[in-house]
Amino acid sequence: MQAIRYRSARDPKGANIALLTCGGFSKAKPLDPHTWRIRIGSLGVQAICEFPDKRLEFPRTAFADPRLANMRWERGR
């Protein structure tokens, strides 16, 4: 798995993470476009699609990669 961290456009002090892997795709091109939101929390990552309603959750242990060693999982409001 490859992860890319980049600056958040909505929160200049925040960050986004893009996870890239060929195994995540079953077809060569999308069948239907979907918009997903990624939420990072103290327990891990949630991927949320509003239509159709789908949710995926990944625990922090799924991201045990030395490149993410400085990841700030606890976030203030």
PDB file of N, CA and C in Angstrom:
ATOM      1  N   MET A   1       0.844  -1.173   0.000  1.00  0.00           N
ATOM      2  CA  MET A   1       0.000   0.000   0.000  1.00  0.00           C
ATOM      3  C   MET A   1       0.891   1.238   0.000  1.00  0.00           C
ATOM      4  N   GLN A   2       0.476   2.232  -0.738  1.00  0.00           N
ATOM      5  CA  GLN A   2       1.201   3.492  -0.790  1.00  0.00           C
ATOM      6  C   GLN A   2       0.295   4.581  -0.245  1.00  0.00           C
ATOM      7  N   ALA A   3       0.832   5.436   0.621  1.00  0.00           N
ATOM      8  CA  ALA A   3       0.068   6.542   1.191  1.00  0.00           C
ATOM      9  C   ALA A   3       0.779   7.843   0.880  1.00  0.00           C
ATOM     10  N   ILE A   4      -0.002   8.851   0.529  1.00  0.00           N
ATOM     11  CA  ILE A   4       0.540  10.178   0.245  1.00  0.00           C
ATOM     12  C   ILE A   4      -0.146  11.163   1.182  1.00  0.00           C
ATOM     13  N   ARG A   5       0.640  11.918   1.909  1.00  0.00           N
ATOM     14  CA  ARG A   5       0.098  12.944   2.801  1.00  0.00           C
ATOM     15  C   ARG A   5       0.254  14.293   2.120  1.00  0.00           C
ATOM     16  N   TYR A   6      -0.832  15.080   2.142  1.00  0.00           N
ATOM     17  CA  TYR A   6      -0.772  16.403   1.518  1.00  0.00           C
ATOM     18  C   TYR A   6      -1.588  17.394   2.339  1.00  0.00           C
ATOM     19  N   ARG A   7      -1.284  18.671   2.155  1.00  0.00           N
ATOM     20  CA  ARG A   7      -1.910  19.730   2.933  1.00  0.00           C
ATOM     21  C   ARG A   7      -3.398  19.844   2.615  1.00  0.00           C
ATOM     22  N   SER A   8      -4.180  20.081   3.633  1.00  0.00           N
ATOM     23  CA  SER A   8      -5.620  20.246   3.474  1.00  0.00           C
ATOM     24  C   SER A   8      -5.945  21.608   2.879  1.00  0.00           C
ATOM     25  N   ALA A   9      -6.828  21.651   1.888  1.00  0.00           N
ATOM     26  CA  ALA A   9      -7.253  22.919   1.304  1.00  0.00           C
ATOM     27  C   ALA A   9      -8.233  23.638   2.231  1.00  0.00           C
ATOM     28  N   ARG A  10      -8.966  22.881   3.033  1.00  0.00           N
ATOM     29  CA  ARG A  10      -9.965  23.470   3.929  1.00  0.00           C
ATOM     30  C   ARG A  10      -9.375  23.933   5.246  1.00  0.00           C
ATOM     31  N   ASP A  11      -8.326  23.265   5.697  1.00  0.00           N
ATOM     32  CA  ASP A  11      -7.708  23.583   6.984  1.00  0.00           C
ATOM     33  C   ASP A  11      -6.202  23.707   6.782  1.00  0.00           C
ATOM     34  N   PRO A  12      -5.669  24.925   6.706  1.00  0.00           N
ATOM     35  CA  PRO A  12      -4.238  25.114   6.437  1.00  0.00           C
ATOM     36  C   PRO A  12      -3.318  24.405   7.438  1.00  0.00           C
ATOM     37  N   LYS A  13      -3.811  24.151   8.648  1.00  0.00           N
ATOM     38  CA  LYS A  13      -2.998  23.441   9.643  1.00  0.00           C
ATOM     39  C   LYS A  13      -3.217  21.935   9.578  1.00  0.00           C
ATOM     40  N   GLY A  14      -4.179  21.498   8.778  1.00  0.00           N
ATOM     41  CA  GLY A  14      -4.521  20.084   8.691  1.00  0.00           C
ATOM     42  C   GLY A  14      -3.832  19.391   7.528  1.00  0.00           C
ATOM     43  N   ALA A  15      -4.135  18.122   7.373  1.00  0.00           N
ATOM     44  CA  ALA A  15      -3.541  17.324   6.309  1.00  0.00           C
ATOM     45  C   ALA A  15      -4.550  16.302   5.800  1.00  0.00           C
ATOM     46  N   ASN A  16      -4.341  15.859   4.593  1.00  0.00           N
ATOM     47  CA  ASN A  16      -5.129  14.784   3.988  1.00  0.00           C
ATOM     48  C   ASN A  16      -4.197  13.632   3.665  1.00  0.00           C
ATOM     49  N   ILE A  17      -4.757  12.449   3.557  1.00  0.00           N
ATOM     50  CA  ILE A  17      -3.984  11.269   3.172  1.00  0.00           C
ATOM     51  C   ILE A  17      -4.706  10.587   2.020  1.00  0.00           C
ATOM     52  N   ALA A  18      -3.973  10.298   0.958  1.00  0.00           N
ATOM     53  CA  ALA A  18      -4.519   9.539  -0.169  1.00  0.00           C
ATOM     54  C   ALA A  18      -3.872   8.156  -0.141  1.00  0.00           C
ATOM     55  N   LEU A  19      -4.703   7.133  -0.167  1.00  0.00           N
ATOM     56  CA  LEU A  19      -4.206   5.759  -0.186  1.00  0.00           C
ATOM     57  C   LEU A  19      -4.332   5.225  -1.602  1.00  0.00           C
ATOM     58  N   LEU A  20      -3.230   4.745  -2.151  1.00  0.00           N
ATOM     59  CA  LEU A  20      -3.199   4.295  -3.531  1.00  0.00           C
ATOM     60  C   LEU A  20      -2.741   2.848  -3.598  1.00  0.00           C
ATOM     61  N   THR A  21      -3.552   2.026  -4.223  1.00  0.00           N
ATOM     62  CA  THR A  21      -3.160   0.640  -4.446  1.00  0.00           C
ATOM     63  C   THR A  21      -3.991   0.082  -5.592  1.00  0.00           C
ATOM     64  N   CYS A  22      -3.375  -0.652  -6.479  1.00  0.00           N
ATOM     65  CA  CYS A  22      -4.092  -1.245  -7.611  1.00  0.00           C
ATOM     66  C   CYS A  22      -5.140  -2.250  -7.144  1.00  0.00           C
ATOM     67  N   GLY A  23      -4.902  -2.881  -6.016  1.00  0.00           N
ATOM     68  CA  GLY A  23      -5.825  -3.872  -5.504  1.00  0.00           C
ATOM     69  C   GLY A  23      -7.181  -3.298  -5.124  1.00  0.00           C
ATOM     70  N   GLY A  24      -7.274  -1.992  -5.020  1.00  0.00           N
ATOM     71  CA  GLY A  24      -8.532  -1.355  -4.670  1.00  0.00           C
ATOM     72  C   GLY A  24      -9.501  -1.221  -5.828  1.00  0.00           C
ATOM     73  N   PHE A  25      -9.071  -1.578  -7.015  1.00  0.00           N
ATOM     74  CA  PHE A  25      -9.905  -1.421  -8.198  1.00  0.00           C
ATOM     75  C   PHE A  25     -10.186  -2.782  -8.832  1.00  0.00           C
ATOM     76  N   SER A  26     -11.463  -3.060  -9.098  1.00  0.00           N
ATOM     77  CA  SER A  26     -11.807  -4.342  -9.707  1.00  0.00           C
ATOM     78  C   SER A  26     -11.949  -4.241 -11.225  1.00  0.00           C
ATOM     79  N   LYS A  27     -12.139  -3.035 -11.747  1.00  0.00           N
ATOM     80  CA  LYS A  27     -12.285  -2.814 -13.192  1.00  0.00           C
ATOM     81  C   LYS A  27     -11.281  -1.765 -13.649  1.00  0.00           C
ATOM     82  N   ALA A  28     -11.057  -1.704 -14.934  1.00  0.00           N
ATOM     83  CA  ALA A  28     -10.093  -0.746 -15.486  1.00  0.00           C
ATOM     84  C   ALA A  28     -10.591   0.696 -15.419  1.00  0.00           C
ATOM     85  N   LYS A  29     -11.913   0.894 -15.388  1.00  0.00           N
ATOM     86  CA  LYS A  29     -12.452   2.255 -15.272  1.00  0.00           C
ATOM     87  C   LYS A  29     -13.693   2.220 -14.379  1.00  0.00           C
ATOM     88  N   PRO A  30     -14.058   3.346 -13.782  1.00  0.00           N
ATOM     89  CA  PRO A  30     -15.219   3.362 -12.880  1.00  0.00           C
ATOM     90  C   PRO A  30     -16.519   3.049 -13.605  1.00  0.00           C
ATOM     91  N   LEU A  31     -17.399   2.330 -12.940  1.00  0.00           N
ATOM     92  CA  LEU A  31     -18.717   2.050 -13.501  1.00  0.00           C
ATOM     93  C   LEU A  31     -19.664   3.224 -13.236  1.00  0.00           C
ATOM     94  N   ASP A  32     -19.652   3.737 -12.018  1.00  0.00           N
ATOM     95  CA  ASP A  32     -20.448   4.889 -11.625  1.00  0.00           C
ATOM     96  C   ASP A  32     -19.567   5.807 -10.783  1.00  0.00           C
ATOM     97  N   PRO A  33     -19.645   7.119 -10.997  1.00  0.00           N
ATOM     98  CA  PRO A  33     -18.842   8.014 -10.154  1.00  0.00           C
ATOM     99  C   PRO A  33     -19.409   8.078  -8.739  1.00  0.00           C
ATOM    100  N   HIS A  34     -18.533   8.085  -7.749  1.00  0.00           N
ATOM    101  CA  HIS A  34     -18.919   8.180  -6.342  1.00  0.00           C
ATOM    102  C   HIS A  34     -18.009   9.209  -5.687  1.00  0.00           C
ATOM    103  N   THR A  35     -18.533   9.887  -4.696  1.00  0.00           N
ATOM    104  CA  THR A  35     -17.730  10.802  -3.899  1.00  0.00           C
ATOM    105  C   THR A  35     -17.592  10.224  -2.497  1.00  0.00           C
ATOM    106  N   TRP A  36     -16.360  10.110  -2.056  1.00  0.00           N
ATOM    107  CA  TRP A  36     -16.075   9.571  -0.730  1.00  0.00           C
ATOM    108  C   TRP A  36     -15.441  10.657   0.131  1.00  0.00           C
ATOM    109  N   ARG A  37     -15.791  10.670   1.403  1.00  0.00           N
ATOM    110  CA  ARG A  37     -15.132  11.529   2.380  1.00  0.00           C
ATOM    111  C   ARG A  37     -14.333  10.620   3.309  1.00  0.00           C
ATOM    112  N   ILE A  38     -13.173  11.092   3.693  1.00  0.00           N
ATOM    113  CA  ILE A  38     -12.313  10.336   4.595  1.00  0.00           C
ATOM    114  C   ILE A  38     -12.261  11.066   5.931  1.00  0.00           C
ATOM    115  N   ARG A  39     -12.547  10.354   6.997  1.00  0.00           N
ATOM    116  CA  ARG A  39     -12.518  10.937   8.333  1.00  0.00           C
ATOM    117  C   ARG A  39     -11.468  10.221   9.167  1.00  0.00           C
ATOM    118  N   ILE A  40     -10.533  10.985   9.716  1.00  0.00           N
ATOM    119  CA  ILE A  40      -9.473  10.436  10.560  1.00  0.00           C
ATOM    120  C   ILE A  40      -9.816  10.730  12.009  1.00  0.00           C
ATOM    121  N   GLY A  41      -9.766   9.705  12.842  1.00  0.00           N
ATOM    122  CA  GLY A  41     -10.067   9.870  14.258  1.00  0.00           C
ATOM    123  C   GLY A  41      -9.093   9.096  15.110  1.00  0.00           C
ATOM    124  N   SER A  42      -9.276   9.172  16.406  1.00  0.00           N
ATOM    125  CA  SER A  42      -8.341   8.536  17.331  1.00  0.00           C
ATOM    126  C   SER A  42      -8.304   7.013  17.181  1.00  0.00           C
ATOM    127  N   LEU A  43      -9.388   6.396  16.677  1.00  0.00           N
ATOM    128  CA  LEU A  43      -9.429   4.940  16.533  1.00  0.00           C
ATOM    129  C   LEU A  43      -8.982   4.448  15.160  1.00  0.00           C
ATOM    130  N   GLY A  44      -8.925   5.359  14.173  1.00  0.00           N
ATOM    131  CA  GLY A  44      -8.520   4.948  12.829  1.00  0.00           C
ATOM    132  C   GLY A  44      -9.129   5.836  11.768  1.00  0.00           C
ATOM    133  N   VAL A  45      -9.462   5.249  10.626  1.00  0.00           N
ATOM    134  CA  VAL A  45      -9.952   6.002   9.476  1.00  0.00           C
ATOM    135  C   VAL A  45     -11.307   5.453   9.044  1.00  0.00           C
ATOM    136  N   GLN A  46     -12.204   6.356   8.699  1.00  0.00           N
ATOM    137  CA  GLN A  46     -13.508   5.996   8.163  1.00  0.00           C
ATOM    138  C   GLN A  46     -13.617   6.561   6.761  1.00  0.00           C
ATOM    139  N   ALA A  47     -14.051   5.743   5.810  1.00  0.00           N
ATOM    140  CA  ALA A  47     -14.351   6.194   4.450  1.00  0.00           C
ATOM    141  C   ALA A  47     -15.864   6.185   4.311  1.00  0.00           C
ATOM    142  N   ILE A  48     -16.438   7.326   3.924  1.00  0.00           N
ATOM    143  CA  ILE A  48     -17.890   7.479   3.901  1.00  0.00           C
ATOM    144  C   ILE A  48     -18.354   7.909   2.518  1.00  0.00           C
ATOM    145  N   CYS A  49     -19.267   7.159   1.939  1.00  0.00           N
ATOM    146  CA  CYS A  49     -19.916   7.494   0.674  1.00  0.00           C
ATOM    147  C   CYS A  49     -21.384   7.734   1.000  1.00  0.00           C
ATOM    148  N   GLU A  50     -21.908   8.912   0.612  1.00  0.00           N
ATOM    149  CA  GLU A  50     -23.291   9.227   0.949  1.00  0.00           C
ATOM    150  C   GLU A  50     -24.291   8.574   0.000  1.00  0.00           C
ATOM    151  N   PHE A  51     -23.940   8.430  -1.267  1.00  0.00           N
ATOM    152  CA  PHE A  51     -24.859   7.800  -2.212  1.00  0.00           C
ATOM    153  C   PHE A  51     -24.080   6.967  -3.204  1.00  0.00           C
ATOM    154  N   PRO A  52     -24.237   5.665  -3.214  1.00  0.00           N
ATOM    155  CA  PRO A  52     -25.054   4.909  -2.274  1.00  0.00           C
ATOM    156  C   PRO A  52     -24.404   4.921  -0.892  1.00  0.00           C
ATOM    157  N   ASP A  53     -25.200   4.724   0.135  1.00  0.00           N
ATOM    158  CA  ASP A  53     -24.720   4.772   1.515  1.00  0.00           C
ATOM    159  C   ASP A  53     -23.784   3.598   1.781  1.00  0.00           C
ATOM    160  N   LYS A  54     -22.493   3.904   1.887  1.00  0.00           N
ATOM    161  CA  LYS A  54     -21.479   2.887   2.184  1.00  0.00           C
ATOM    162  C   LYS A  54     -20.487   3.473   3.164  1.00  0.00           C
ATOM    163  N   ARG A  55     -20.004   2.651   4.063  1.00  0.00           N
ATOM    164  CA  ARG A  55     -18.994   3.082   5.027  1.00  0.00           C
ATOM    165  C   ARG A  55     -17.969   1.968   5.209  1.00  0.00           C
ATOM    166  N   LEU A  56     -16.721   2.367   5.226  1.00  0.00           N
ATOM    167  CA  LEU A  56     -15.627   1.441   5.485  1.00  0.00           C
ATOM    168  C   LEU A  56     -14.833   1.982   6.664  1.00  0.00           C
ATOM    169  N   GLU A  57     -14.361   1.108   7.526  1.00  0.00           N
ATOM    170  CA  GLU A  57     -13.564   1.538   8.667  1.00  0.00           C
ATOM    171  C   GLU A  57     -12.265   0.751   8.708  1.00  0.00           C
ATOM    172  N   PHE A  58     -11.195   1.467   9.030  1.00  0.00           N
ATOM    173  CA  PHE A  58      -9.870   0.873   9.124  1.00  0.00           C
ATOM    174  C   PHE A  58      -9.257   1.277  10.459  1.00  0.00           C
ATOM    175  N   PRO A  59      -8.839   0.317  11.289  1.00  0.00           N
ATOM    176  CA  PRO A  59      -8.227   0.668  12.575  1.00  0.00           C
ATOM    177  C   PRO A  59      -6.840   1.279  12.371  1.00  0.00           C
ATOM    178  N   ARG A  60      -6.353   1.964  13.385  1.00  0.00           N
ATOM    179  CA  ARG A  60      -5.016   2.579  13.299  1.00  0.00           C
ATOM    180  C   ARG A  60      -3.944   1.555  12.951  1.00  0.00           C
ATOM    181  N   THR A  61      -4.121   0.327  13.406  1.00  0.00           N
ATOM    182  CA  THR A  61      -3.109  -0.704  13.152  1.00  0.00           C
ATOM    183  C   THR A  61      -2.976  -1.024  11.657  1.00  0.00           C
ATOM    184  N   ALA A  62      -3.995  -0.691  10.854  1.00  0.00           N
ATOM    185  CA  ALA A  62      -3.919  -0.917   9.409  1.00  0.00           C
ATOM    186  C   ALA A  62      -2.916   0.019   8.751  1.00  0.00           C
ATOM    187  N   PHE A  63      -2.476   1.050   9.472  1.00  0.00           N
ATOM    188  CA  PHE A  63      -1.555   2.042   8.919  1.00  0.00           C
ATOM    189  C   PHE A  63      -0.203   1.988   9.611  1.00  0.00           C
ATOM    190  N   ALA A  64       0.205   0.798  10.001  1.00  0.00           N
ATOM    191  CA  ALA A  64       1.494   0.614  10.664  1.00  0.00           C
ATOM    192  C   ALA A  64       2.608   0.683   9.628  1.00  0.00           C
ATOM    193  N   ASP A  65       2.943   1.880   9.242  1.00  0.00           N
ATOM    194  CA  ASP A  65       3.964   2.138   8.224  1.00  0.00           C
ATOM    195  C   ASP A  65       4.904   3.201   8.781  1.00  0.00           C
ATOM    196  N   PRO A  66       6.215   3.011   8.698  1.00  0.00           N
ATOM    197  CA  PRO A  66       7.145   3.992   9.275  1.00  0.00           C
ATOM    198  C   PRO A  66       6.977   5.407   8.700  1.00  0.00           C
ATOM    199  N   ARG A  67       6.452   5.515   7.490  1.00  0.00           N
ATOM    200  CA  ARG A  67       6.254   6.847   6.903  1.00  0.00           C
ATOM    201  C   ARG A  67       5.144   7.616   7.606  1.00  0.00           C
ATOM    202  N   LEU A  68       4.303   6.898   8.356  1.00  0.00           N
ATOM    203  CA  LEU A  68       3.212   7.541   9.084  1.00  0.00           C
ATOM    204  C   LEU A  68       3.493   7.625  10.582  1.00  0.00           C
ATOM    205  N   ALA A  69       4.758   7.441  10.957  1.00  0.00           N
ATOM    206  CA  ALA A  69       5.124   7.420  12.374  1.00  0.00           C
ATOM    207  C   ALA A  69       4.750   8.720  13.084  1.00  0.00           C
ATOM    208  N   ASN A  70       4.779   9.841  12.398  1.00  0.00           N
ATOM    209  CA  ASN A  70       4.463  11.129  13.008  1.00  0.00           C
ATOM    210  C   ASN A  70       3.009  11.542  12.813  1.00  0.00           C
ATOM    211  N   MET A  71       2.187  10.623  12.387  1.00  0.00           N
ATOM    212  CA  MET A  71       0.776  10.912  12.153  1.00  0.00           C
ATOM    213  C   MET A  71       0.105  11.331  13.461  1.00  0.00           C
ATOM    214  N   ARG A  72      -0.633  12.434  13.433  1.00  0.00           N
ATOM    215  CA  ARG A  72      -1.343  12.927  14.612  1.00  0.00           C
ATOM    216  C   ARG A  72      -2.782  12.413  14.547  1.00  0.00           C
ATOM    217  N   TRP A  73      -3.046  11.319  15.265  1.00  0.00           N
ATOM    218  CA  TRP A  73      -4.376  10.706  15.229  1.00  0.00           C
ATOM    219  C   TRP A  73      -5.370  11.451  16.095  1.00  0.00           C
ATOM    220  N   GLU A  74      -4.909  11.997  17.210  1.00  0.00           N
ATOM    221  CA  GLU A  74      -5.780  12.761  18.098  1.00  0.00           C
ATOM    222  C   GLU A  74      -5.931  14.156  17.523  1.00  0.00           C
ATOM    223  N   ARG A  75      -7.171  14.602  17.313  1.00  0.00           N
ATOM    224  CA  ARG A  75      -7.415  15.899  16.685  1.00  0.00           C
ATOM    225  C   ARG A  75      -8.300  16.742  17.594  1.00  0.00           C
ATOM    226  N   GLY A  76      -7.951  18.020  17.675  1.00  0.00           N
ATOM    227  CA  GLY A  76      -8.758  18.966  18.472  1.00  0.00           C
ATOM    228  C   GLY A  76      -9.913  19.498  17.666  1.00  0.00           C
ATOM    229  N   ARG A  77     -10.857  20.020  18.314  1.00  0.00           N
ATOM    230  CA  ARG A  77     -12.035  20.587  17.632  1.00  0.00           C
ATOM    231  C   ARG A  77     -11.956  22.078  17.573  1.00  0.00           C
TER     232      ARG A  77
END
